[in-house]
Amino acid sequence: MPEITDEFMKQMLATTKSYTAVILKKSSAFKMPDVFPVIWEHGRRNFSLREDGILMIVCPISEDKEMAGIGIFNADAEKTKAIMDEDPAVKAGVLVYEIYPTRSFPGDSLKS
């Protein structure tokens, strides 16, 4: 592992930016395959938000009974709440969400 100095850490921490993390959970109304059309439209909206540069990272979680996904939004908590309140799966009562203001490094990405 490379050595990380205090100076390097201070320099890097000064470059962080505010983001909002969203944790999506399945509600009691989440019953596959009945909810598939709603989840499909939720996914379509996620693609649109990605294209607009608002949803920076989206990670569906399919192997969990409670969790449905994680997203990192390039928006403050208030704007993210407004976005999530209009999500088709949230409006249908199929998914619920929690919002957490966070910070990260602009340009971070998932490796391909």
PDB file of N, CA and C in Angstrom:
ATOM      1  N   MET A   1       0.839  -1.180   0.000  1.00  0.00           N
ATOM      2  CA  MET A   1       0.000   0.000   0.000  1.00  0.00           C
ATOM      3  C   MET A   1       0.882   1.241   0.000  1.00  0.00           C
ATOM      4  N   PRO A   2       0.465   2.271  -0.754  1.00  0.00           N
ATOM      5  CA  PRO A   2       1.247   3.502  -0.752  1.00  0.00           C
ATOM      6  C   PRO A   2       1.136   4.217   0.593  1.00  0.00           C
ATOM      7  N   GLU A   3       2.180   4.925   0.939  1.00  0.00           N
ATOM      8  CA  GLU A   3       2.154   5.715   2.172  1.00  0.00           C
ATOM      9  C   GLU A   3       1.361   6.992   1.916  1.00  0.00           C
ATOM     10  N   ILE A   4       0.447   7.293   2.814  1.00  0.00           N
ATOM     11  CA  ILE A   4      -0.390   8.494   2.708  1.00  0.00           C
ATOM     12  C   ILE A   4      -0.008   9.436   3.842  1.00  0.00           C
ATOM     13  N   THR A   5       0.482  10.602   3.478  1.00  0.00           N
ATOM     14  CA  THR A   5       0.911  11.580   4.485  1.00  0.00           C
ATOM     15  C   THR A   5      -0.270  12.419   4.957  1.00  0.00           C
ATOM     16  N   ASP A   6      -0.092  13.072   6.090  1.00  0.00           N
ATOM     17  CA  ASP A   6      -1.114  13.990   6.593  1.00  0.00           C
ATOM     18  C   ASP A   6      -1.344  15.119   5.598  1.00  0.00           C
ATOM     19  N   GLU A   7      -0.279  15.610   5.005  1.00  0.00           N
ATOM     20  CA  GLU A   7      -0.389  16.702   4.035  1.00  0.00           C
ATOM     21  C   GLU A   7      -1.232  16.275   2.832  1.00  0.00           C
ATOM     22  N   PHE A   8      -0.983  15.069   2.328  1.00  0.00           N
ATOM     23  CA  PHE A   8      -1.762  14.547   1.210  1.00  0.00           C
ATOM     24  C   PHE A   8      -3.237  14.450   1.588  1.00  0.00           C
ATOM     25  N   MET A   9      -3.519  13.937   2.788  1.00  0.00           N
ATOM     26  CA  MET A   9      -4.910  13.805   3.240  1.00  0.00           C
ATOM     27  C   MET A   9      -5.595  15.164   3.306  1.00  0.00           C
ATOM     28  N   LYS A  10      -4.911  16.165   3.863  1.00  0.00           N
ATOM     29  CA  LYS A  10      -5.483  17.519   3.956  1.00  0.00           C
ATOM     30  C   LYS A  10      -5.765  18.080   2.573  1.00  0.00           C
ATOM     31  N   GLN A  11      -4.822  17.867   1.665  1.00  0.00           N
ATOM     32  CA  GLN A  11      -4.981  18.330   0.293  1.00  0.00           C
ATOM     33  C   GLN A  11      -6.199  17.676  -0.364  1.00  0.00           C
ATOM     34  N   MET A  12      -6.317  16.389  -0.223  1.00  0.00           N
ATOM     35  CA  MET A  12      -7.421  15.660  -0.840  1.00  0.00           C
ATOM     36  C   MET A  12      -8.770  16.006  -0.210  1.00  0.00           C
ATOM     37  N   LEU A  13      -8.805  16.096   1.110  1.00  0.00           N
ATOM     38  CA  LEU A  13     -10.065  16.407   1.786  1.00  0.00           C
ATOM     39  C   LEU A  13     -10.602  17.774   1.370  1.00  0.00           C
ATOM     40  N   ALA A  14      -9.720  18.679   1.009  1.00  0.00           N
ATOM     41  CA  ALA A  14     -10.141  20.010   0.555  1.00  0.00           C
ATOM     42  C   ALA A  14     -10.839  19.951  -0.800  1.00  0.00           C
ATOM     43  N   THR A  15     -10.704  18.850  -1.524  1.00  0.00           N
ATOM     44  CA  THR A  15     -11.319  18.728  -2.851  1.00  0.00           C
ATOM     45  C   THR A  15     -12.688  18.052  -2.823  1.00  0.00           C
ATOM     46  N   THR A  16     -13.151  17.625  -1.657  1.00  0.00           N
ATOM     47  CA  THR A  16     -14.433  16.912  -1.616  1.00  0.00           C
ATOM     48  C   THR A  16     -15.592  17.838  -1.943  1.00  0.00           C
ATOM     49  N   LYS A  17     -16.693  17.237  -2.343  1.00  0.00           N
ATOM     50  CA  LYS A  17     -17.912  17.953  -2.718  1.00  0.00           C
ATOM     51  C   LYS A  17     -19.090  17.271  -2.026  1.00  0.00           C
ATOM     52  N   SER A  18     -20.127  18.031  -1.788  1.00  0.00           N
ATOM     53  CA  SER A  18     -21.346  17.488  -1.176  1.00  0.00           C
ATOM     54  C   SER A  18     -22.163  16.700  -2.198  1.00  0.00           C
ATOM     55  N   TYR A  19     -22.656  15.562  -1.758  1.00  0.00           N
ATOM     56  CA  TYR A  19     -23.551  14.713  -2.535  1.00  0.00           C
ATOM     57  C   TYR A  19     -24.644  14.231  -1.578  1.00  0.00           C
ATOM     58  N   THR A  20     -25.586  13.470  -2.089  1.00  0.00           N
ATOM     59  CA  THR A  20     -26.605  12.866  -1.247  1.00  0.00           C
ATOM     60  C   THR A  20     -26.687  11.374  -1.569  1.00  0.00           C
ATOM     61  N   ALA A  21     -26.594  10.560  -0.533  1.00  0.00           N
ATOM     62  CA  ALA A  21     -26.735   9.112  -0.685  1.00  0.00           C
ATOM     63  C   ALA A  21     -28.185   8.738  -0.403  1.00  0.00           C
ATOM     64  N   VAL A  22     -28.711   7.847  -1.212  1.00  0.00           N
ATOM     65  CA  VAL A  22     -30.076   7.345  -1.039  1.00  0.00           C
ATOM     66  C   VAL A  22     -30.011   5.838  -0.861  1.00  0.00           C
ATOM     67  N   ILE A  23     -30.666   5.363   0.177  1.00  0.00           N
ATOM     68  CA  ILE A  23     -30.823   3.935   0.421  1.00  0.00           C
ATOM     69  C   ILE A  23     -32.277   3.592   0.110  1.00  0.00           C
ATOM     70  N   LEU A  24     -32.475   2.712  -0.862  1.00  0.00           N
ATOM     71  CA  LEU A  24     -33.824   2.271  -1.222  1.00  0.00           C
ATOM     72  C   LEU A  24     -34.129   0.950  -0.545  1.00  0.00           C
ATOM     73  N   LYS A  25     -35.326   0.857  -0.002  1.00  0.00           N
ATOM     74  CA  LYS A  25     -35.772  -0.377   0.632  1.00  0.00           C
ATOM     75  C   LYS A  25     -37.105  -0.804   0.045  1.00  0.00           C
ATOM     76  N   LYS A  26     -37.330  -2.106   0.057  1.00  0.00           N
ATOM     77  CA  LYS A  26     -38.584  -2.653  -0.435  1.00  0.00           C
ATOM     78  C   LYS A  26     -39.656  -2.491   0.637  1.00  0.00           C
ATOM     79  N   SER A  27     -40.830  -2.051   0.218  1.00  0.00           N
ATOM     80  CA  SER A  27     -41.949  -1.957   1.155  1.00  0.00           C
ATOM     81  C   SER A  27     -42.664  -3.304   1.208  1.00  0.00           C
ATOM     82  N   SER A  28     -43.663  -3.398   2.057  1.00  0.00           N
ATOM     83  CA  SER A  28     -44.444  -4.638   2.140  1.00  0.00           C
ATOM     84  C   SER A  28     -45.231  -4.883   0.851  1.00  0.00           C
ATOM     85  N   ALA A  29     -45.392  -3.839   0.013  1.00  0.00           N
ATOM     86  CA  ALA A  29     -46.105  -3.981  -1.262  1.00  0.00           C
ATOM     87  C   ALA A  29     -45.221  -4.554  -2.366  1.00  0.00           C
ATOM     88  N   PHE A  30     -43.951  -4.754  -2.085  1.00  0.00           N
ATOM     89  CA  PHE A  30     -43.004  -5.253  -3.088  1.00  0.00           C
ATOM     90  C   PHE A  30     -43.179  -6.762  -3.233  1.00  0.00           C
ATOM     91  N   LYS A  31     -43.843  -7.169  -4.292  1.00  0.00           N
ATOM     92  CA  LYS A  31     -44.081  -8.591  -4.561  1.00  0.00           C
ATOM     93  C   LYS A  31     -43.774  -8.848  -6.035  1.00  0.00           C
ATOM     94  N   MET A  32     -42.646  -9.485  -6.297  1.00  0.00           N
ATOM     95  CA  MET A  32     -42.295  -9.829  -7.681  1.00  0.00           C
ATOM     96  C   MET A  32     -43.107 -11.046  -8.090  1.00  0.00           C
ATOM     97  N   PRO A  33     -43.543 -11.210  -9.298  1.00  0.00           N
ATOM     98  CA  PRO A  33     -43.290 -10.357 -10.449  1.00  0.00           C
ATOM     99  C   PRO A  33     -44.319  -9.248 -10.615  1.00  0.00           C
ATOM    100  N   ASP A  34     -45.265  -9.115  -9.698  1.00  0.00           N
ATOM    101  CA  ASP A  34     -46.335  -8.126  -9.842  1.00  0.00           C
ATOM    102  C   ASP A  34     -45.822  -6.698  -9.988  1.00  0.00           C
ATOM    103  N   VAL A  35     -44.725  -6.364  -9.327  1.00  0.00           N
ATOM    104  CA  VAL A  35     -44.229  -4.989  -9.355  1.00  0.00           C
ATOM    105  C   VAL A  35     -43.257  -4.731 -10.500  1.00  0.00           C
ATOM    106  N   PHE A  36     -42.985  -5.742 -11.329  1.00  0.00           N
ATOM    107  CA  PHE A  36     -41.987  -5.577 -12.382  1.00  0.00           C
ATOM    108  C   PHE A  36     -42.239  -4.356 -13.270  1.00  0.00           C
ATOM    109  N   PRO A  37     -43.469  -4.096 -13.742  1.00  0.00           N
ATOM    110  CA  PRO A  37     -43.673  -2.916 -14.591  1.00  0.00           C
ATOM    111  C   PRO A  37     -43.311  -1.600 -13.877  1.00  0.00           C
ATOM    112  N   VAL A  38     -43.601  -1.510 -12.605  1.00  0.00           N
ATOM    113  CA  VAL A  38     -43.269  -0.297 -11.842  1.00  0.00           C
ATOM    114  C   VAL A  38     -41.755  -0.185 -11.674  1.00  0.00           C
ATOM    115  N   ILE A  39     -41.097  -1.283 -11.360  1.00  0.00           N
ATOM    116  CA  ILE A  39     -39.641  -1.284 -11.198  1.00  0.00           C
ATOM    117  C   ILE A  39     -38.966  -0.956 -12.532  1.00  0.00           C
ATOM    118  N   TRP A  40     -39.525  -1.429 -13.631  1.00  0.00           N
ATOM    119  CA  TRP A  40     -38.973  -1.130 -14.956  1.00  0.00           C
ATOM    120  C   TRP A  40     -38.991   0.374 -15.212  1.00  0.00           C
ATOM    121  N   GLU A  41     -40.094   1.020 -14.872  1.00  0.00           N
ATOM    122  CA  GLU A  41     -40.191   2.478 -15.062  1.00  0.00           C
ATOM    123  C   GLU A  41     -39.284   3.226 -14.081  1.00  0.00           C
ATOM    124  N   HIS A  42     -39.126   2.704 -12.895  1.00  0.00           N
ATOM    125  CA  HIS A  42     -38.165   3.251 -11.930  1.00  0.00           C
ATOM    126  C   HIS A  42     -36.764   3.206 -12.553  1.00  0.00           C
ATOM    127  N   GLY A  43     -36.411   2.083 -13.173  1.00  0.00           N
ATOM    128  CA  GLY A  43     -35.116   1.949 -13.832  1.00  0.00           C
ATOM    129  C   GLY A  43     -34.968   2.918 -14.996  1.00  0.00           C
ATOM    130  N   ARG A  44     -36.021   3.090 -15.775  1.00  0.00           N
ATOM    131  CA  ARG A  44     -35.987   4.026 -16.908  1.00  0.00           C
ATOM    132  C   ARG A  44     -35.692   5.444 -16.392  1.00  0.00           C
ATOM    133  N   ARG A  45     -36.332   5.796 -15.302  1.00  0.00           N
ATOM    134  CA  ARG A  45     -36.110   7.121 -14.709  1.00  0.00           C
ATOM    135  C   ARG A  45     -34.675   7.257 -14.218  1.00  0.00           C
ATOM    136  N   ASN A  46     -34.135   6.186 -13.623  1.00  0.00           N
ATOM    137  CA  ASN A  46     -32.736   6.212 -13.188  1.00  0.00           C
ATOM    138  C   ASN A  46     -31.801   6.472 -14.366  1.00  0.00           C
ATOM    139  N   PHE A  47     -32.057   5.833 -15.510  1.00  0.00           N
ATOM    140  CA  PHE A  47     -31.234   6.073 -16.698  1.00  0.00           C
ATOM    141  C   PHE A  47     -31.304   7.543 -17.106  1.00  0.00           C
ATOM    142  N   SER A  48     -32.488   8.125 -17.053  1.00  0.00           N
ATOM    143  CA  SER A  48     -32.655   9.533 -17.397  1.00  0.00           C
ATOM    144  C   SER A  48     -31.891  10.442 -16.426  1.00  0.00           C
ATOM    145  N   LEU A  49     -31.986  10.133 -15.136  1.00  0.00           N
ATOM    146  CA  LEU A  49     -31.259  10.921 -14.127  1.00  0.00           C
ATOM    147  C   LEU A  49     -29.755  10.790 -14.309  1.00  0.00           C
ATOM    148  N   ARG A  50     -29.286   9.613 -14.715  1.00  0.00           N
ATOM    149  CA  ARG A  50     -27.856   9.411 -15.004  1.00  0.00           C
ATOM    150  C   ARG A  50     -27.440  10.268 -16.189  1.00  0.00           C
ATOM    151  N   GLU A  51     -28.247  10.251 -17.240  1.00  0.00           N
ATOM    152  CA  GLU A  51     -27.935  11.034 -18.438  1.00  0.00           C
ATOM    153  C   GLU A  51     -27.879  12.529 -18.126  1.00  0.00           C
ATOM    154  N   ASP A  52     -28.713  12.981 -17.189  1.00  0.00           N
ATOM    155  CA  ASP A  52     -28.734  14.390 -16.779  1.00  0.00           C
ATOM    156  C   ASP A  52     -27.603  14.743 -15.818  1.00  0.00           C
ATOM    157  N   GLY A  53     -26.830  13.743 -15.376  1.00  0.00           N
ATOM    158  CA  GLY A  53     -25.732  14.011 -14.452  1.00  0.00           C
ATOM    159  C   GLY A  53     -26.175  14.206 -13.012  1.00  0.00           C
ATOM    160  N   ILE A  54     -27.403  13.805 -12.700  1.00  0.00           N
ATOM    161  CA  ILE A  54     -27.927  13.965 -11.339  1.00  0.00           C
ATOM    162  C   ILE A  54     -27.671  12.716 -10.501  1.00  0.00           C
ATOM    163  N   LEU A  55     -27.891  11.561 -11.079  1.00  0.00           N
ATOM    164  CA  LEU A  55     -27.666  10.290 -10.377  1.00  0.00           C
ATOM    165  C   LEU A  55     -26.297   9.778 -10.807  1.00  0.00           C
ATOM    166  N   MET A  56     -25.308   9.980  -9.945  1.00  0.00           N
ATOM    167  CA  MET A  56     -23.919   9.694 -10.301  1.00  0.00           C
ATOM    168  C   MET A  56     -23.602   8.202 -10.270  1.00  0.00           C
ATOM    169  N   ILE A  57     -24.101   7.517  -9.264  1.00  0.00           N
ATOM    170  CA  ILE A  57     -23.866   6.084  -9.120  1.00  0.00           C
ATOM    171  C   ILE A  57     -25.182   5.442  -8.705  1.00  0.00           C
ATOM    172  N   VAL A  58     -25.540   4.358  -9.375  1.00  0.00           N
ATOM    173  CA  VAL A  58     -26.755   3.620  -9.024  1.00  0.00           C
ATOM    174  C   VAL A  58     -26.386   2.146  -8.907  1.00  0.00           C
ATOM    175  N   CYS A  59     -26.775   1.544  -7.801  1.00  0.00           N
ATOM    176  CA  CYS A  59     -26.439   0.146  -7.522  1.00  0.00           C
ATOM    177  C   CYS A  59     -27.678  -0.605  -7.060  1.00  0.00           C
ATOM    178  N   PRO A  60     -28.397  -1.269  -7.974  1.00  0.00           N
ATOM    179  CA  PRO A  60     -29.516  -2.105  -7.543  1.00  0.00           C
ATOM    180  C   PRO A  60     -29.002  -3.280  -6.707  1.00  0.00           C
ATOM    181  N   ILE A  61     -29.794  -3.654  -5.733  1.00  0.00           N
ATOM    182  CA  ILE A  61     -29.463  -4.804  -4.887  1.00  0.00           C
ATOM    183  C   ILE A  61     -30.614  -5.799  -5.038  1.00  0.00           C
ATOM    184  N   SER A  62     -30.346  -6.918  -5.673  1.00  0.00           N
ATOM    185  CA  SER A  62     -31.433  -7.856  -5.959  1.00  0.00           C
ATOM    186  C   SER A  62     -31.452  -9.060  -5.027  1.00  0.00           C
ATOM    187  N   GLU A  63     -30.390  -9.283  -4.296  1.00  0.00           N
ATOM    188  CA  GLU A  63     -30.296 -10.499  -3.476  1.00  0.00           C
ATOM    189  C   GLU A  63     -30.632 -10.277  -2.003  1.00  0.00           C
ATOM    190  N   ASP A  64     -31.322  -9.207  -1.697  1.00  0.00           N
ATOM    191  CA  ASP A  64     -31.634  -8.903  -0.302  1.00  0.00           C
ATOM    192  C   ASP A  64     -33.142  -8.832  -0.134  1.00  0.00           C
ATOM    193  N   LYS A  65     -33.623  -9.225   1.007  1.00  0.00           N
ATOM    194  CA  LYS A  65     -35.067  -9.192   1.255  1.00  0.00           C
ATOM    195  C   LYS A  65     -35.574  -7.788   1.555  1.00  0.00           C
ATOM    196  N   GLU A  66     -34.715  -6.928   2.117  1.00  0.00           N
ATOM    197  CA  GLU A  66     -35.140  -5.589   2.512  1.00  0.00           C
ATOM    198  C   GLU A  66     -34.592  -4.502   1.595  1.00  0.00           C
ATOM    199  N   MET A  67     -33.313  -4.567   1.306  1.00  0.00           N
ATOM    200  CA  MET A  67     -32.663  -3.527   0.515  1.00  0.00           C
ATOM    201  C   MET A  67     -33.006  -3.676  -0.963  1.00  0.00           C
ATOM    202  N   ALA A  68     -33.150  -2.517  -1.642  1.00  0.00           N
ATOM    203  CA  ALA A  68     -33.423  -2.534  -3.078  1.00  0.00           C
ATOM    204  C   ALA A  68     -32.317  -1.858  -3.877  1.00  0.00           C
ATOM    205  N   GLY A  69     -31.609  -0.902  -3.259  1.00  0.00           N
ATOM    206  CA  GLY A  69     -30.555  -0.239  -3.999  1.00  0.00           C
ATOM    207  C   GLY A  69     -29.936   0.921  -3.251  1.00  0.00           C
ATOM    208  N   ILE A  70     -28.856   1.414  -3.850  1.00  0.00           N
ATOM    209  CA  ILE A  70     -28.122   2.556  -3.312  1.00  0.00           C
ATOM    210  C   ILE A  70     -27.867   3.511  -4.477  1.00  0.00           C
ATOM    211  N   GLY A  71     -28.019   4.787  -4.239  1.00  0.00           N
ATOM    212  CA  GLY A  71     -27.721   5.786  -5.261  1.00  0.00           C
ATOM    213  C   GLY A  71     -26.971   6.961  -4.656  1.00  0.00           C
ATOM    214  N   ILE A  72     -26.099   7.557  -5.463  1.00  0.00           N
ATOM    215  CA  ILE A  72     -25.394   8.777  -5.062  1.00  0.00           C
ATOM    216  C   ILE A  72     -25.846   9.876  -6.017  1.00  0.00           C
ATOM    217  N   PHE A  73     -26.435  10.917  -5.462  1.00  0.00           N
ATOM    218  CA  PHE A  73     -26.991  12.010  -6.252  1.00  0.00           C
ATOM    219  C   PHE A  73     -26.097  13.240  -6.190  1.00  0.00           C
ATOM    220  N   ASN A  74     -25.956  13.886  -7.324  1.00  0.00           N
ATOM    221  CA  ASN A  74     -25.230  15.143  -7.436  1.00  0.00           C
ATOM    222  C   ASN A  74     -26.227  16.273  -7.171  1.00  0.00           C
ATOM    223  N   ALA A  75     -26.744  16.284  -5.956  1.00  0.00           N
ATOM    224  CA  ALA A  75     -27.774  17.240  -5.551  1.00  0.00           C
ATOM    225  C   ALA A  75     -27.807  17.293  -4.029  1.00  0.00           C
ATOM    226  N   ASP A  76     -28.344  18.385  -3.493  1.00  0.00           N
ATOM    227  CA  ASP A  76     -28.474  18.458  -2.040  1.00  0.00           C
ATOM    228  C   ASP A  76     -29.649  17.601  -1.583  1.00  0.00           C
ATOM    229  N   ALA A  77     -29.782  17.443  -0.280  1.00  0.00           N
ATOM    230  CA  ALA A  77     -30.805  16.552   0.277  1.00  0.00           C
ATOM    231  C   ALA A  77     -32.213  16.996  -0.101  1.00  0.00           C
ATOM    232  N   GLU A  78     -32.463  18.292  -0.113  1.00  0.00           N
ATOM    233  CA  GLU A  78     -33.804  18.799  -0.436  1.00  0.00           C
ATOM    234  C   GLU A  78     -34.187  18.472  -1.879  1.00  0.00           C
ATOM    235  N   LYS A  79     -33.270  18.727  -2.801  1.00  0.00           N
ATOM    236  CA  LYS A  79     -33.543  18.416  -4.216  1.00  0.00           C
ATOM    237  C   LYS A  79     -33.666  16.906  -4.416  1.00  0.00           C
ATOM    238  N   THR A  80     -32.815  16.138  -3.743  1.00  0.00           N
ATOM    239  CA  THR A  80     -32.871  14.683  -3.870  1.00  0.00           C
ATOM    240  C   THR A  80     -34.210  14.156  -3.359  1.00  0.00           C
ATOM    241  N   LYS A  81     -34.701  14.711  -2.257  1.00  0.00           N
ATOM    242  CA  LYS A  81     -36.007  14.303  -1.734  1.00  0.00           C
ATOM    243  C   LYS A  81     -37.103  14.581  -2.762  1.00  0.00           C
ATOM    244  N   ALA A  82     -37.066  15.754  -3.386  1.00  0.00           N
ATOM    245  CA  ALA A  82     -38.067  16.094  -4.402  1.00  0.00           C
ATOM    246  C   ALA A  82     -37.992  15.120  -5.576  1.00  0.00           C
ATOM    247  N   ILE A  83     -36.778  14.752  -5.975  1.00  0.00           N
ATOM    248  CA  ILE A  83     -36.591  13.785  -7.060  1.00  0.00           C
ATOM    249  C   ILE A  83     -37.162  12.428  -6.661  1.00  0.00           C
ATOM    250  N   MET A  84     -36.821  11.977  -5.474  1.00  0.00           N
ATOM    251  CA  MET A  84     -37.270  10.655  -5.029  1.00  0.00           C
ATOM    252  C   MET A  84     -38.779  10.599  -4.815  1.00  0.00           C
ATOM    253  N   ASP A  85     -39.367  11.681  -4.363  1.00  0.00           N
ATOM    254  CA  ASP A  85     -40.818  11.698  -4.155  1.00  0.00           C
ATOM    255  C   ASP A  85     -41.587  11.513  -5.463  1.00  0.00           C
ATOM    256  N   GLU A  86     -40.947  11.805  -6.598  1.00  0.00           N
ATOM    257  CA  GLU A  86     -41.587  11.640  -7.902  1.00  0.00           C
ATOM    258  C   GLU A  86     -41.219  10.317  -8.581  1.00  0.00           C
ATOM    259  N   ASP A  87     -40.419   9.500  -7.929  1.00  0.00           N
ATOM    260  CA  ASP A  87     -40.038   8.208  -8.488  1.00  0.00           C
ATOM    261  C   ASP A  87     -41.272   7.325  -8.608  1.00  0.00           C
ATOM    262  N   PRO A  88     -41.453   6.646  -9.760  1.00  0.00           N
ATOM    263  CA  PRO A  88     -42.657   5.821  -9.937  1.00  0.00           C
ATOM    264  C   PRO A  88     -42.824   4.730  -8.877  1.00  0.00           C
ATOM    265  N   ALA A  89     -41.738   4.099  -8.458  1.00  0.00           N
ATOM    266  CA  ALA A  89     -41.840   3.026  -7.464  1.00  0.00           C
ATOM    267  C   ALA A  89     -42.130   3.569  -6.071  1.00  0.00           C
ATOM    268  N   VAL A  90     -41.630   4.756  -5.780  1.00  0.00           N
ATOM    269  CA  VAL A  90     -41.927   5.400  -4.493  1.00  0.00           C
ATOM    270  C   VAL A  90     -43.386   5.854  -4.489  1.00  0.00           C
ATOM    271  N   LYS A  91     -43.810   6.487  -5.586  1.00  0.00           N
ATOM    272  CA  LYS A  91     -45.204   6.944  -5.678  1.00  0.00           C
ATOM    273  C   LYS A  91     -46.186   5.776  -5.591  1.00  0.00           C
ATOM    274  N   ALA A  92     -45.796   4.609  -6.117  1.00  0.00           N
ATOM    275  CA  ALA A  92     -46.663   3.426  -6.076  1.00  0.00           C
ATOM    276  C   ALA A  92     -46.606   2.723  -4.724  1.00  0.00           C
ATOM    277  N   GLY A  93     -45.711   3.179  -3.836  1.00  0.00           N
ATOM    278  CA  GLY A  93     -45.607   2.565  -2.515  1.00  0.00           C
ATOM    279  C   GLY A  93     -44.836   1.262  -2.508  1.00  0.00           C
ATOM    280  N   VAL A  94     -44.111   0.982  -3.578  1.00  0.00           N
ATOM    281  CA  VAL A  94     -43.356  -0.257  -3.702  1.00  0.00           C
ATOM    282  C   VAL A  94     -41.977  -0.133  -3.054  1.00  0.00           C
ATOM    283  N   LEU A  95     -41.381   1.056  -3.152  1.00  0.00           N
ATOM    284  CA  LEU A  95     -40.082   1.332  -2.533  1.00  0.00           C
ATOM    285  C   LEU A  95     -40.205   2.510  -1.588  1.00  0.00           C
ATOM    286  N   VAL A  96     -39.410   2.484  -0.541  1.00  0.00           N
ATOM    287  CA  VAL A  96     -39.269   3.606   0.378  1.00  0.00           C
ATOM    288  C   VAL A  96     -37.777   3.957   0.407  1.00  0.00           C
ATOM    289  N   TYR A  97     -37.460   5.145   0.868  1.00  0.00           N
ATOM    290  CA  TYR A  97     -36.067   5.560   0.824  1.00  0.00           C
ATOM    291  C   TYR A  97     -35.654   6.321   2.076  1.00  0.00           C
ATOM    292  N   GLU A  98     -34.341   6.348   2.273  1.00  0.00           N
ATOM    293  CA  GLU A  98     -33.711   7.161   3.304  1.00  0.00           C
ATOM    294  C   GLU A  98     -32.657   8.010   2.603  1.00  0.00           C
ATOM    295  N   ILE A  99     -32.493   9.242   3.055  1.00  0.00           N
ATOM    296  CA  ILE A  99     -31.541  10.181   2.462  1.00  0.00           C
ATOM    297  C   ILE A  99     -30.458  10.523   3.476  1.00  0.00           C
ATOM    298  N   TYR A 100     -29.204  10.560   2.996  1.00  0.00           N
ATOM    299  CA  TYR A 100     -28.067  10.893   3.843  1.00  0.00           C
ATOM    300  C   TYR A 100     -27.137  11.857   3.116  1.00  0.00           C
ATOM    301  N   PRO A 101     -27.031  13.096   3.593  1.00  0.00           N
ATOM    302  CA  PRO A 101     -26.021  13.991   3.019  1.00  0.00           C
ATOM    303  C   PRO A 101     -24.635  13.389   3.250  1.00  0.00           C
ATOM    304  N   THR A 102     -23.779  13.509   2.248  1.00  0.00           N
ATOM    305  CA  THR A 102     -22.445  12.929   2.336  1.00  0.00           C
ATOM    306  C   THR A 102     -21.466  13.789   1.554  1.00  0.00           C
ATOM    307  N   ARG A 103     -20.204  13.408   1.568  1.00  0.00           N
ATOM    308  CA  ARG A 103     -19.168  14.082   0.790  1.00  0.00           C
ATOM    309  C   ARG A 103     -18.351  13.003   0.090  1.00  0.00           C
ATOM    310  N   SER A 104     -17.818  13.378  -1.073  1.00  0.00           N
ATOM    311  CA  SER A 104     -16.939  12.458  -1.782  1.00  0.00           C
ATOM    312  C   SER A 104     -16.049  13.264  -2.704  1.00  0.00           C
ATOM    313  N   PHE A 105     -15.237  12.539  -3.457  1.00  0.00           N
ATOM    314  CA  PHE A 105     -14.282  13.156  -4.354  1.00  0.00           C
ATOM    315  C   PHE A 105     -14.857  13.212  -5.775  1.00  0.00           C
ATOM    316  N   PRO A 106     -15.032  14.411  -6.337  1.00  0.00           N
ATOM    317  CA  PRO A 106     -15.511  14.488  -7.723  1.00  0.00           C
ATOM    318  C   PRO A 106     -14.596  13.668  -8.628  1.00  0.00           C
ATOM    319  N   GLY A 107     -15.212  12.941  -9.543  1.00  0.00           N
ATOM    320  CA  GLY A 107     -14.449  12.123 -10.481  1.00  0.00           C
ATOM    321  C   GLY A 107     -14.266  10.692 -10.025  1.00  0.00           C
ATOM    322  N   ASP A 108     -14.570  10.379  -8.763  1.00  0.00           N
ATOM    323  CA  ASP A 108     -14.506   8.983  -8.346  1.00  0.00           C
ATOM    324  C   ASP A 108     -15.464   8.167  -9.209  1.00  0.00           C
ATOM    325  N   SER A 109     -15.114   6.944  -9.471  1.00  0.00           N
ATOM    326  CA  SER A 109     -15.976   6.110 -10.301  1.00  0.00           C
ATOM    327  C   SER A 109     -15.753   4.646  -9.968  1.00  0.00           C
ATOM    328  N   LEU A 110     -16.644   3.833 -10.461  1.00  0.00           N
ATOM    329  CA  LEU A 110     -16.504   2.386 -10.332  1.00  0.00           C
ATOM    330  C   LEU A 110     -15.593   1.915 -11.451  1.00  0.00           C
ATOM    331  N   LYS A 111     -14.681   1.068 -11.154  1.00  0.00           N
ATOM    332  CA  LYS A 111     -13.755   0.539 -12.177  1.00  0.00           C
ATOM    333  C   LYS A 111     -14.486  -0.451 -13.076  1.00  0.00           C
ATOM    334  N   SER A 112     -14.169  -0.422 -14.354  1.00  0.00           N
ATOM    335  CA  SER A 112     -14.809  -1.364 -15.277  1.00  0.00           C
ATOM    336  C   SER A 112     -14.009  -2.644 -15.382  1.00  0.00           C
TER     337      SER A 112
END
